[in-house]
């Protein structure tokens, strides 16, 4: 299933990906959860993922503290503060894709507990809000860390319209997101 979603995503024209980034940023910024958040944990999109760059810059311009992940060797995530695109460094992780990560101070895996909203990468979400990730488990660990600490940030995923589907398989550790933002609108889940 992941391969199918990735194949469709990878076939998208570059112009469509760029145009979608602007639309997604505008729609996401209209979410109350992001409009009122003082700290947002986010990520830097890679390849043909729905673009996050415009949203990261807009949040930072609003004065929102934006935390970005740093992939650790065990696939857990550390965090750093987003200080603009010029402060991002390209990191090639052995056996994995290259990622843009914050180049400054590392804040530790628990820094995500300060976030009032968390933007999660994903390949799809279903009508219940169940998210299909890439399968590395990094964000499953983040969600487990949040739950263990009793933290309840808004969980939001940015996707293309065709990636919102009727039903996805789920495992016991999977957690539903609160909202999905697509180019055509926003959907919320109970």
N, C-alpha and C. Protein backbone atom coordinates (compact mmCIF):
# COMPACT_ATOMS: atom_id res chain seq x y z
N UNK A 1 0.82 -1.19 0.00
CA UNK A 1 0.00 0.00 0.00
C UNK A 1 0.88 1.26 0.00
N UNK A 2 1.93 1.24 0.82
CA UNK A 2 2.84 2.40 0.85
C UNK A 2 3.47 2.63 -0.52
N UNK A 3 3.88 1.55 -1.17
CA UNK A 3 4.50 1.69 -2.50
C UNK A 3 3.54 2.32 -3.49
N UNK A 4 2.26 1.94 -3.42
CA UNK A 4 1.26 2.50 -4.34
C UNK A 4 1.08 4.00 -4.12
N UNK A 5 0.95 4.41 -2.87
CA UNK A 5 0.80 5.84 -2.58
C UNK A 5 2.05 6.61 -3.01
N UNK A 6 3.22 6.04 -2.75
CA UNK A 6 4.47 6.71 -3.14
C UNK A 6 4.60 6.81 -4.65
N UNK A 7 4.20 5.77 -5.37
CA UNK A 7 4.30 5.79 -6.84
C UNK A 7 3.45 6.91 -7.43
N UNK A 8 2.24 7.09 -6.92
CA UNK A 8 1.37 8.16 -7.40
C UNK A 8 1.97 9.52 -7.05
N UNK A 9 2.45 9.64 -5.82
CA UNK A 9 3.04 10.90 -5.37
C UNK A 9 4.28 11.24 -6.19
N UNK A 10 5.12 10.26 -6.45
CA UNK A 10 6.36 10.50 -7.19
C UNK A 10 6.12 10.87 -8.64
N UNK A 11 4.95 10.55 -9.17
CA UNK A 11 4.62 10.87 -10.56
C UNK A 11 4.04 12.29 -10.72
N UNK A 12 3.83 13.00 -9.62
CA UNK A 12 3.27 14.34 -9.70
C UNK A 12 4.25 15.30 -10.37
N UNK A 13 3.75 16.17 -11.24
CA UNK A 13 4.62 17.19 -11.85
C UNK A 13 5.14 18.17 -10.79
N UNK A 14 6.37 18.59 -10.95
CA UNK A 14 7.01 19.49 -9.99
C UNK A 14 6.22 20.78 -9.79
N UNK A 15 5.64 21.31 -10.87
CA UNK A 15 4.83 22.53 -10.76
C UNK A 15 3.63 22.33 -9.86
N UNK A 16 2.99 21.17 -9.96
CA UNK A 16 1.83 20.87 -9.10
C UNK A 16 2.25 20.81 -7.64
N UNK A 17 3.39 20.22 -7.37
CA UNK A 17 3.89 20.10 -6.00
C UNK A 17 4.14 21.50 -5.42
N UNK A 18 4.77 22.38 -6.21
CA UNK A 18 5.06 23.75 -5.75
C UNK A 18 3.78 24.54 -5.49
N UNK A 19 2.83 24.46 -6.42
CA UNK A 19 1.57 25.18 -6.26
C UNK A 19 0.80 24.68 -5.04
N UNK A 20 0.82 23.39 -4.82
CA UNK A 20 0.11 22.80 -3.68
C UNK A 20 0.69 23.30 -2.36
N UNK A 21 1.99 23.52 -2.29
CA UNK A 21 2.63 23.98 -1.06
C UNK A 21 2.01 25.29 -0.58
N UNK A 22 1.80 26.22 -1.48
CA UNK A 22 1.23 27.52 -1.12
C UNK A 22 -0.20 27.38 -0.64
N UNK A 23 -0.99 26.57 -1.33
CA UNK A 23 -2.39 26.35 -0.95
C UNK A 23 -2.47 25.67 0.42
N UNK A 24 -1.64 24.65 0.64
CA UNK A 24 -1.64 23.95 1.92
C UNK A 24 -1.25 24.87 3.06
N UNK A 25 -0.27 25.73 2.84
CA UNK A 25 0.14 26.67 3.88
C UNK A 25 -1.02 27.59 4.25
N UNK A 26 -1.70 28.12 3.26
CA UNK A 26 -2.82 29.03 3.52
C UNK A 26 -3.93 28.31 4.30
N UNK A 27 -4.27 27.11 3.88
CA UNK A 27 -5.32 26.36 4.56
C UNK A 27 -4.91 25.98 5.99
N UNK A 28 -3.67 25.54 6.15
CA UNK A 28 -3.20 25.13 7.48
C UNK A 28 -3.15 26.32 8.44
N UNK A 29 -2.76 27.48 7.94
CA UNK A 29 -2.68 28.66 8.80
C UNK A 29 -4.06 29.11 9.28
N UNK A 30 -5.11 28.68 8.58
CA UNK A 30 -6.48 29.00 9.01
C UNK A 30 -6.98 28.09 10.12
N UNK A 31 -6.28 26.99 10.39
CA UNK A 31 -6.68 26.10 11.48
C UNK A 31 -6.51 26.80 12.82
N UNK A 32 -7.52 26.77 13.65
CA UNK A 32 -7.43 27.38 14.98
C UNK A 32 -6.26 26.80 15.76
N UNK A 33 -6.03 25.49 15.61
CA UNK A 33 -4.97 24.83 16.36
C UNK A 33 -3.59 25.40 16.03
N UNK A 34 -3.39 25.79 14.79
CA UNK A 34 -2.10 26.38 14.42
C UNK A 34 -2.08 27.88 14.67
N UNK A 35 -3.23 28.52 14.53
CA UNK A 35 -3.30 29.97 14.72
C UNK A 35 -3.00 30.36 16.16
N UNK A 36 -3.37 29.50 17.11
CA UNK A 36 -3.18 29.85 18.52
C UNK A 36 -1.96 29.19 19.16
N UNK A 37 -1.32 28.27 18.47
CA UNK A 37 -0.19 27.54 19.04
C UNK A 37 1.03 28.43 19.18
N UNK A 38 1.64 28.37 20.34
CA UNK A 38 2.90 29.10 20.57
C UNK A 38 4.09 28.27 20.07
N UNK A 39 3.94 26.92 20.13
CA UNK A 39 4.98 26.01 19.66
C UNK A 39 4.33 24.94 18.78
N UNK A 40 4.90 24.75 17.60
CA UNK A 40 4.43 23.74 16.66
C UNK A 40 5.61 22.84 16.30
N UNK A 41 5.41 21.53 16.45
CA UNK A 41 6.40 20.57 15.95
C UNK A 41 6.00 20.25 14.52
N UNK A 42 6.94 20.36 13.61
CA UNK A 42 6.65 20.18 12.19
C UNK A 42 7.75 19.32 11.57
N UNK A 43 7.90 19.39 10.28
CA UNK A 43 8.94 18.65 9.57
C UNK A 43 9.20 19.36 8.25
N UNK A 44 10.35 19.10 7.67
CA UNK A 44 10.69 19.64 6.35
C UNK A 44 10.34 18.57 5.32
N UNK A 45 9.45 18.90 4.41
CA UNK A 45 9.04 17.93 3.39
C UNK A 45 10.22 17.58 2.48
N UNK A 46 10.16 16.35 1.97
CA UNK A 46 11.20 15.88 1.05
C UNK A 46 10.54 15.35 -0.21
N UNK A 47 11.24 15.44 -1.32
CA UNK A 47 10.74 14.92 -2.58
C UNK A 47 9.39 15.52 -2.94
N UNK A 48 8.45 14.66 -3.26
CA UNK A 48 7.12 15.11 -3.66
C UNK A 48 6.11 15.07 -2.52
N UNK A 49 6.60 15.04 -1.28
CA UNK A 49 5.67 15.17 -0.15
C UNK A 49 4.96 16.51 -0.27
N UNK A 50 3.73 16.59 0.25
CA UNK A 50 3.08 17.91 0.30
C UNK A 50 4.02 18.89 1.00
N UNK A 51 4.30 20.01 0.33
CA UNK A 51 5.33 20.94 0.79
C UNK A 51 5.01 21.63 2.10
N UNK A 52 6.03 21.73 2.95
CA UNK A 52 5.88 22.41 4.24
C UNK A 52 6.64 23.73 4.32
N UNK A 53 7.50 24.02 3.35
CA UNK A 53 8.37 25.19 3.44
C UNK A 53 7.62 26.51 3.66
N UNK A 54 6.59 26.77 2.87
CA UNK A 54 5.84 28.02 3.02
C UNK A 54 5.16 28.09 4.38
N UNK A 55 4.66 26.97 4.87
CA UNK A 55 4.01 26.94 6.18
C UNK A 55 5.02 27.19 7.30
N UNK A 56 6.18 26.56 7.22
CA UNK A 56 7.21 26.77 8.25
C UNK A 56 7.59 28.24 8.33
N UNK A 57 7.80 28.87 7.17
CA UNK A 57 8.18 30.28 7.15
C UNK A 57 7.06 31.18 7.68
N UNK A 58 5.82 30.87 7.32
CA UNK A 58 4.69 31.67 7.79
C UNK A 58 4.50 31.54 9.30
N UNK A 59 4.64 30.35 9.82
CA UNK A 59 4.53 30.17 11.28
C UNK A 59 5.62 30.95 12.00
N UNK A 60 6.83 30.83 11.50
CA UNK A 60 7.96 31.55 12.11
C UNK A 60 7.74 33.06 12.05
N UNK A 61 7.22 33.56 10.91
CA UNK A 61 6.96 35.00 10.76
C UNK A 61 5.89 35.47 11.74
N UNK A 62 4.98 34.58 12.11
CA UNK A 62 3.93 34.91 13.10
C UNK A 62 4.48 34.96 14.51
N UNK A 63 5.68 34.47 14.70
CA UNK A 63 6.25 34.41 16.04
C UNK A 63 6.06 33.06 16.71
N UNK A 64 5.58 32.09 15.96
CA UNK A 64 5.41 30.73 16.49
C UNK A 64 6.77 30.05 16.55
N UNK A 65 7.05 29.40 17.65
CA UNK A 65 8.27 28.60 17.77
C UNK A 65 8.02 27.30 17.02
N UNK A 66 8.87 27.00 16.04
CA UNK A 66 8.72 25.80 15.23
C UNK A 66 9.86 24.85 15.55
N UNK A 67 9.49 23.63 15.94
CA UNK A 67 10.46 22.59 16.21
C UNK A 67 10.51 21.65 15.01
N UNK A 68 11.72 21.27 14.62
CA UNK A 68 11.90 20.34 13.51
C UNK A 68 12.66 19.11 13.99
N UNK A 69 12.35 17.95 13.40
CA UNK A 69 12.99 16.72 13.85
C UNK A 69 14.42 16.54 13.35
N UNK A 70 15.17 15.82 14.15
CA UNK A 70 16.51 15.36 13.80
C UNK A 70 16.47 13.85 13.98
N UNK A 71 16.66 13.11 12.89
CA UNK A 71 16.57 11.66 12.94
C UNK A 71 17.78 11.07 13.66
N UNK A 72 17.51 10.25 14.66
CA UNK A 72 18.56 9.58 15.42
C UNK A 72 18.84 8.20 14.81
N UNK A 73 19.99 7.60 15.11
CA UNK A 73 20.33 6.30 14.53
C UNK A 73 19.30 5.20 14.78
N UNK A 74 18.56 5.27 15.90
CA UNK A 74 17.57 4.24 16.21
C UNK A 74 16.17 4.59 15.67
N UNK A 75 16.09 5.60 14.80
CA UNK A 75 14.85 6.09 14.18
C UNK A 75 13.98 6.92 15.12
N UNK A 76 14.43 7.16 16.36
CA UNK A 76 13.71 8.09 17.22
C UNK A 76 14.03 9.50 16.73
N UNK A 77 13.36 10.49 17.27
CA UNK A 77 13.56 11.87 16.84
C UNK A 77 14.02 12.76 17.97
N UNK A 78 15.08 13.51 17.73
CA UNK A 78 15.49 14.63 18.56
C UNK A 78 14.83 15.84 17.90
N UNK A 79 14.96 17.02 18.48
CA UNK A 79 14.32 18.22 17.92
C UNK A 79 15.26 19.40 18.00
N UNK A 80 15.09 20.32 17.06
CA UNK A 80 15.81 21.58 17.05
C UNK A 80 14.85 22.68 16.60
N UNK A 81 15.21 23.90 16.83
CA UNK A 81 14.36 25.04 16.47
C UNK A 81 14.61 25.44 15.02
N UNK A 82 13.52 25.75 14.32
CA UNK A 82 13.62 26.22 12.93
C UNK A 82 13.99 27.70 12.95
N UNK A 83 15.15 28.01 12.39
CA UNK A 83 15.64 29.39 12.31
C UNK A 83 15.70 29.88 10.87
N UNK A 84 14.87 29.33 10.00
CA UNK A 84 14.85 29.72 8.59
C UNK A 84 15.56 28.69 7.73
N UNK A 85 15.29 28.77 6.42
CA UNK A 85 15.86 27.78 5.51
C UNK A 85 17.39 27.80 5.48
N UNK A 86 17.97 28.97 5.71
CA UNK A 86 19.43 29.08 5.71
C UNK A 86 20.09 28.33 6.84
N UNK A 87 19.35 27.99 7.88
CA UNK A 87 19.91 27.28 9.03
C UNK A 87 19.68 25.77 8.96
N UNK A 88 19.11 25.30 7.85
CA UNK A 88 18.90 23.87 7.68
C UNK A 88 20.14 23.23 7.06
N UNK A 89 20.44 22.01 7.48
CA UNK A 89 21.56 21.28 6.92
C UNK A 89 21.06 19.98 6.32
N UNK A 90 21.65 19.60 5.20
CA UNK A 90 21.28 18.34 4.53
C UNK A 90 22.07 17.22 5.19
N UNK A 91 21.34 16.23 5.69
CA UNK A 91 21.97 15.10 6.37
C UNK A 91 21.60 13.82 5.63
N UNK A 92 22.62 13.08 5.20
CA UNK A 92 22.40 11.79 4.57
C UNK A 92 22.51 10.72 5.64
N UNK A 93 21.39 10.11 5.97
CA UNK A 93 21.39 9.05 6.98
C UNK A 93 21.70 7.73 6.31
N UNK A 94 22.61 6.93 6.86
CA UNK A 94 23.00 5.66 6.24
C UNK A 94 21.79 4.78 5.95
N UNK A 95 21.67 4.36 4.70
CA UNK A 95 20.59 3.48 4.29
C UNK A 95 19.23 4.13 4.20
N UNK A 96 19.17 5.45 4.34
CA UNK A 96 17.90 6.16 4.31
C UNK A 96 18.02 7.36 3.39
N UNK A 97 16.95 8.11 3.27
CA UNK A 97 16.96 9.29 2.43
C UNK A 97 17.68 10.45 3.11
N UNK A 98 18.12 11.40 2.32
CA UNK A 98 18.71 12.61 2.87
C UNK A 98 17.58 13.51 3.37
N UNK A 99 17.82 14.14 4.52
CA UNK A 99 16.82 15.01 5.14
C UNK A 99 17.42 16.38 5.41
N UNK A 100 16.58 17.40 5.38
CA UNK A 100 16.98 18.72 5.84
C UNK A 100 16.61 18.82 7.32
N UNK A 101 17.60 19.12 8.14
CA UNK A 101 17.41 19.17 9.59
C UNK A 101 17.94 20.47 10.14
N UNK A 102 17.44 20.91 11.30
CA UNK A 102 17.95 22.15 11.89
C UNK A 102 19.41 21.98 12.28
N UNK A 103 20.21 22.99 11.99
CA UNK A 103 21.64 22.90 12.25
C UNK A 103 22.05 23.35 13.63
N UNK A 104 21.14 23.90 14.40
CA UNK A 104 21.48 24.46 15.72
C UNK A 104 21.45 23.43 16.84
N UNK A 105 21.24 23.95 18.02
CA UNK A 105 21.24 23.16 19.26
C UNK A 105 20.18 22.05 19.22
N UNK A 106 20.55 20.89 19.75
CA UNK A 106 19.61 19.78 19.90
C UNK A 106 18.89 19.95 21.24
N UNK A 107 17.58 19.76 21.22
CA UNK A 107 16.75 20.01 22.39
C UNK A 107 16.33 18.74 23.11
N UNK A 108 16.59 17.59 22.51
CA UNK A 108 16.22 16.31 23.11
C UNK A 108 14.88 15.81 22.61
N UNK A 109 14.67 14.48 22.68
CA UNK A 109 13.42 13.89 22.21
C UNK A 109 12.17 14.41 22.93
N UNK A 110 12.31 14.83 24.18
CA UNK A 110 11.14 15.31 24.93
C UNK A 110 10.73 16.74 24.58
N UNK A 111 11.49 17.43 23.76
CA UNK A 111 11.12 18.80 23.39
C UNK A 111 9.76 18.85 22.71
N UNK A 112 9.37 17.77 22.04
CA UNK A 112 8.07 17.72 21.36
C UNK A 112 6.92 17.87 22.35
N UNK A 113 7.15 17.59 23.63
CA UNK A 113 6.11 17.71 24.64
C UNK A 113 5.65 19.15 24.82
N UNK A 114 6.44 20.11 24.39
CA UNK A 114 6.09 21.53 24.49
C UNK A 114 5.15 21.98 23.37
N UNK A 115 4.99 21.16 22.35
CA UNK A 115 4.19 21.55 21.18
C UNK A 115 2.70 21.50 21.49
N UNK A 116 2.00 22.52 21.03
CA UNK A 116 0.54 22.55 21.13
C UNK A 116 -0.10 21.98 19.88
N UNK A 117 0.69 21.85 18.82
CA UNK A 117 0.24 21.21 17.59
C UNK A 117 1.44 20.47 17.00
N UNK A 118 1.17 19.30 16.41
CA UNK A 118 2.21 18.50 15.79
C UNK A 118 1.77 18.19 14.36
N UNK A 119 2.59 18.60 13.40
CA UNK A 119 2.35 18.25 11.99
C UNK A 119 3.07 16.93 11.74
N UNK A 120 2.31 15.94 11.31
CA UNK A 120 2.86 14.61 11.07
C UNK A 120 2.96 14.34 9.58
N UNK A 121 4.07 13.80 9.12
CA UNK A 121 4.12 13.38 7.72
C UNK A 121 3.27 12.13 7.56
N UNK A 122 2.79 11.91 6.36
CA UNK A 122 1.99 10.72 6.11
C UNK A 122 1.84 10.46 4.63
N UNK A 123 1.36 9.28 4.31
CA UNK A 123 1.08 8.90 2.93
C UNK A 123 -0.42 8.91 2.66
N UNK A 124 -1.20 8.73 3.72
CA UNK A 124 -2.66 8.71 3.58
C UNK A 124 -3.29 8.83 4.95
N UNK A 125 -4.57 9.18 4.95
CA UNK A 125 -5.38 9.18 6.16
C UNK A 125 -6.77 8.70 5.76
N UNK A 126 -7.44 8.00 6.69
CA UNK A 126 -8.77 7.50 6.33
C UNK A 126 -9.87 8.30 7.02
N UNK A 127 -11.10 7.90 6.80
CA UNK A 127 -12.26 8.64 7.29
C UNK A 127 -12.34 8.68 8.82
N UNK A 128 -11.57 7.83 9.51
CA UNK A 128 -11.53 7.84 10.97
C UNK A 128 -10.39 8.70 11.50
N UNK A 129 -9.51 9.15 10.59
CA UNK A 129 -8.33 9.89 11.01
C UNK A 129 -7.10 9.02 11.21
N UNK A 130 -7.18 7.75 10.84
CA UNK A 130 -6.02 6.86 10.97
C UNK A 130 -5.02 7.21 9.87
N UNK A 131 -3.77 7.39 10.26
CA UNK A 131 -2.71 7.84 9.34
C UNK A 131 -1.83 6.68 8.94
N UNK A 132 -1.47 6.66 7.67
CA UNK A 132 -0.47 5.71 7.17
C UNK A 132 0.82 6.48 6.99
N UNK A 133 1.84 6.11 7.77
CA UNK A 133 3.15 6.74 7.65
C UNK A 133 4.03 5.97 6.68
N UNK A 134 5.31 6.31 6.69
CA UNK A 134 6.25 5.64 5.78
C UNK A 134 6.72 4.29 6.30
N UNK A 135 6.46 4.00 7.57
CA UNK A 135 6.79 2.68 8.10
C UNK A 135 8.06 2.63 8.92
N UNK A 136 8.73 3.75 9.14
CA UNK A 136 9.95 3.75 9.93
C UNK A 136 9.72 3.78 11.43
N UNK A 137 8.53 4.16 11.86
CA UNK A 137 8.20 4.15 13.28
C UNK A 137 8.61 5.39 14.05
N UNK A 138 9.27 6.36 13.40
CA UNK A 138 9.72 7.55 14.13
C UNK A 138 8.56 8.31 14.77
N UNK A 139 7.51 8.52 14.02
CA UNK A 139 6.39 9.29 14.56
C UNK A 139 5.50 8.44 15.47
N UNK A 140 5.52 7.13 15.33
CA UNK A 140 4.84 6.28 16.30
C UNK A 140 5.49 6.48 17.67
N UNK A 141 6.80 6.62 17.70
CA UNK A 141 7.52 6.87 18.96
C UNK A 141 7.15 8.23 19.53
N UNK A 142 7.05 9.22 18.64
CA UNK A 142 6.66 10.56 19.09
C UNK A 142 5.26 10.52 19.70
N UNK A 143 4.33 9.86 19.04
CA UNK A 143 2.96 9.78 19.54
C UNK A 143 2.91 9.02 20.86
N UNK A 144 3.70 7.96 21.00
CA UNK A 144 3.76 7.22 22.26
C UNK A 144 4.35 8.09 23.37
N UNK A 145 5.37 8.89 23.04
CA UNK A 145 5.98 9.78 24.02
C UNK A 145 4.97 10.82 24.51
N UNK A 146 4.21 11.38 23.57
CA UNK A 146 3.18 12.35 23.93
C UNK A 146 2.13 11.72 24.85
N UNK A 147 1.67 10.53 24.49
CA UNK A 147 0.65 9.84 25.29
C UNK A 147 1.17 9.52 26.69
N UNK A 148 2.41 9.03 26.77
CA UNK A 148 2.99 8.67 28.07
C UNK A 148 3.12 9.88 28.99
N UNK A 149 3.33 11.05 28.40
CA UNK A 149 3.48 12.28 29.19
C UNK A 149 2.14 12.96 29.47
N UNK A 150 1.06 12.41 28.90
CA UNK A 150 -0.26 13.04 29.08
C UNK A 150 -0.41 14.31 28.27
N UNK A 151 0.41 14.48 27.24
CA UNK A 151 0.33 15.66 26.37
C UNK A 151 -0.71 15.40 25.28
N UNK A 152 -1.48 16.41 24.95
CA UNK A 152 -2.55 16.26 23.96
C UNK A 152 -2.51 17.37 22.91
N UNK A 153 -1.42 17.48 22.16
CA UNK A 153 -1.39 18.49 21.11
C UNK A 153 -2.33 18.12 19.97
N UNK A 154 -2.71 19.10 19.19
CA UNK A 154 -3.48 18.83 17.97
C UNK A 154 -2.56 18.10 17.00
N UNK A 155 -3.05 17.01 16.42
CA UNK A 155 -2.28 16.22 15.46
C UNK A 155 -2.85 16.48 14.07
N UNK A 156 -2.00 17.01 13.19
CA UNK A 156 -2.45 17.44 11.86
C UNK A 156 -1.54 16.83 10.81
N UNK A 157 -2.13 16.38 9.71
CA UNK A 157 -1.34 15.84 8.60
C UNK A 157 -1.70 16.61 7.33
N UNK A 158 -0.69 16.89 6.51
CA UNK A 158 -0.87 17.56 5.22
C UNK A 158 -0.78 16.50 4.12
N UNK A 159 -1.80 16.46 3.25
CA UNK A 159 -1.84 15.45 2.20
C UNK A 159 -2.39 16.03 0.91
N UNK A 160 -2.23 15.28 -0.16
CA UNK A 160 -2.92 15.58 -1.41
C UNK A 160 -4.33 15.01 -1.31
N UNK A 161 -5.25 15.56 -2.09
CA UNK A 161 -6.66 15.15 -2.01
C UNK A 161 -6.84 13.65 -2.18
N UNK A 162 -6.15 13.04 -3.12
CA UNK A 162 -6.35 11.62 -3.40
C UNK A 162 -5.79 10.72 -2.31
N UNK A 163 -5.12 11.29 -1.32
CA UNK A 163 -4.54 10.49 -0.24
C UNK A 163 -5.47 10.39 0.97
N UNK A 164 -6.65 10.97 0.87
CA UNK A 164 -7.68 10.79 1.89
C UNK A 164 -8.59 9.68 1.37
N UNK A 165 -8.61 8.56 2.09
CA UNK A 165 -9.29 7.36 1.62
C UNK A 165 -10.34 6.90 2.63
N UNK A 166 -11.15 5.95 2.23
CA UNK A 166 -12.23 5.47 3.10
C UNK A 166 -11.70 4.69 4.30
N UNK A 167 -10.72 3.81 4.09
CA UNK A 167 -10.27 2.95 5.19
C UNK A 167 -8.81 2.52 4.99
N UNK A 168 -8.06 2.55 6.08
CA UNK A 168 -6.69 2.05 6.09
C UNK A 168 -6.57 0.98 7.17
N UNK A 169 -5.70 0.02 6.98
CA UNK A 169 -5.47 -0.95 8.07
C UNK A 169 -4.79 -0.23 9.23
N UNK A 170 -5.02 -0.73 10.42
CA UNK A 170 -4.38 -0.13 11.60
C UNK A 170 -3.80 -1.20 12.50
N UNK A 171 -2.82 -0.80 13.28
CA UNK A 171 -2.22 -1.69 14.27
C UNK A 171 -2.53 -1.11 15.64
N UNK A 172 -2.31 -1.90 16.68
CA UNK A 172 -2.68 -1.50 18.04
C UNK A 172 -2.04 -0.17 18.46
N UNK A 173 -0.82 0.11 17.99
CA UNK A 173 -0.12 1.33 18.41
C UNK A 173 -0.53 2.57 17.62
N UNK A 174 -1.30 2.41 16.55
CA UNK A 174 -1.67 3.55 15.71
C UNK A 174 -2.62 4.49 16.44
N UNK A 175 -2.42 5.78 16.21
CA UNK A 175 -3.25 6.82 16.80
C UNK A 175 -3.86 7.65 15.69
N UNK A 176 -5.11 8.05 15.87
CA UNK A 176 -5.78 8.90 14.88
C UNK A 176 -5.30 10.34 15.00
N UNK A 177 -5.28 11.03 13.88
CA UNK A 177 -4.97 12.46 13.86
C UNK A 177 -6.27 13.24 14.07
N UNK A 178 -6.13 14.52 14.40
CA UNK A 178 -7.30 15.36 14.63
C UNK A 178 -7.81 16.03 13.36
N UNK A 179 -6.87 16.28 12.42
CA UNK A 179 -7.27 16.98 11.19
C UNK A 179 -6.33 16.64 10.05
N UNK A 180 -6.87 16.72 8.84
CA UNK A 180 -6.07 16.59 7.63
C UNK A 180 -6.32 17.84 6.80
N UNK A 181 -5.25 18.38 6.25
CA UNK A 181 -5.35 19.55 5.38
C UNK A 181 -4.93 19.10 3.98
N UNK A 182 -5.80 19.35 3.00
CA UNK A 182 -5.52 19.04 1.61
C UNK A 182 -5.72 20.30 0.78
N UNK A 183 -5.32 20.29 -0.48
CA UNK A 183 -5.54 21.47 -1.32
C UNK A 183 -7.02 21.88 -1.42
N UNK A 184 -7.93 20.92 -1.31
CA UNK A 184 -9.34 21.29 -1.45
C UNK A 184 -10.03 21.60 -0.13
N UNK A 185 -9.36 21.42 0.99
CA UNK A 185 -10.01 21.76 2.25
C UNK A 185 -9.42 21.05 3.45
N UNK A 186 -10.13 21.17 4.56
CA UNK A 186 -9.71 20.58 5.81
C UNK A 186 -10.80 19.63 6.30
N UNK A 187 -10.39 18.50 6.83
CA UNK A 187 -11.34 17.58 7.44
C UNK A 187 -10.89 17.35 8.88
N UNK A 188 -11.85 17.31 9.79
CA UNK A 188 -11.57 17.05 11.21
C UNK A 188 -12.14 15.68 11.59
N UNK A 189 -11.51 15.08 12.58
CA UNK A 189 -11.93 13.75 13.02
C UNK A 189 -12.25 13.81 14.51
N UNK A 190 -13.25 13.05 14.92
CA UNK A 190 -13.66 13.03 16.33
C UNK A 190 -12.62 12.33 17.18
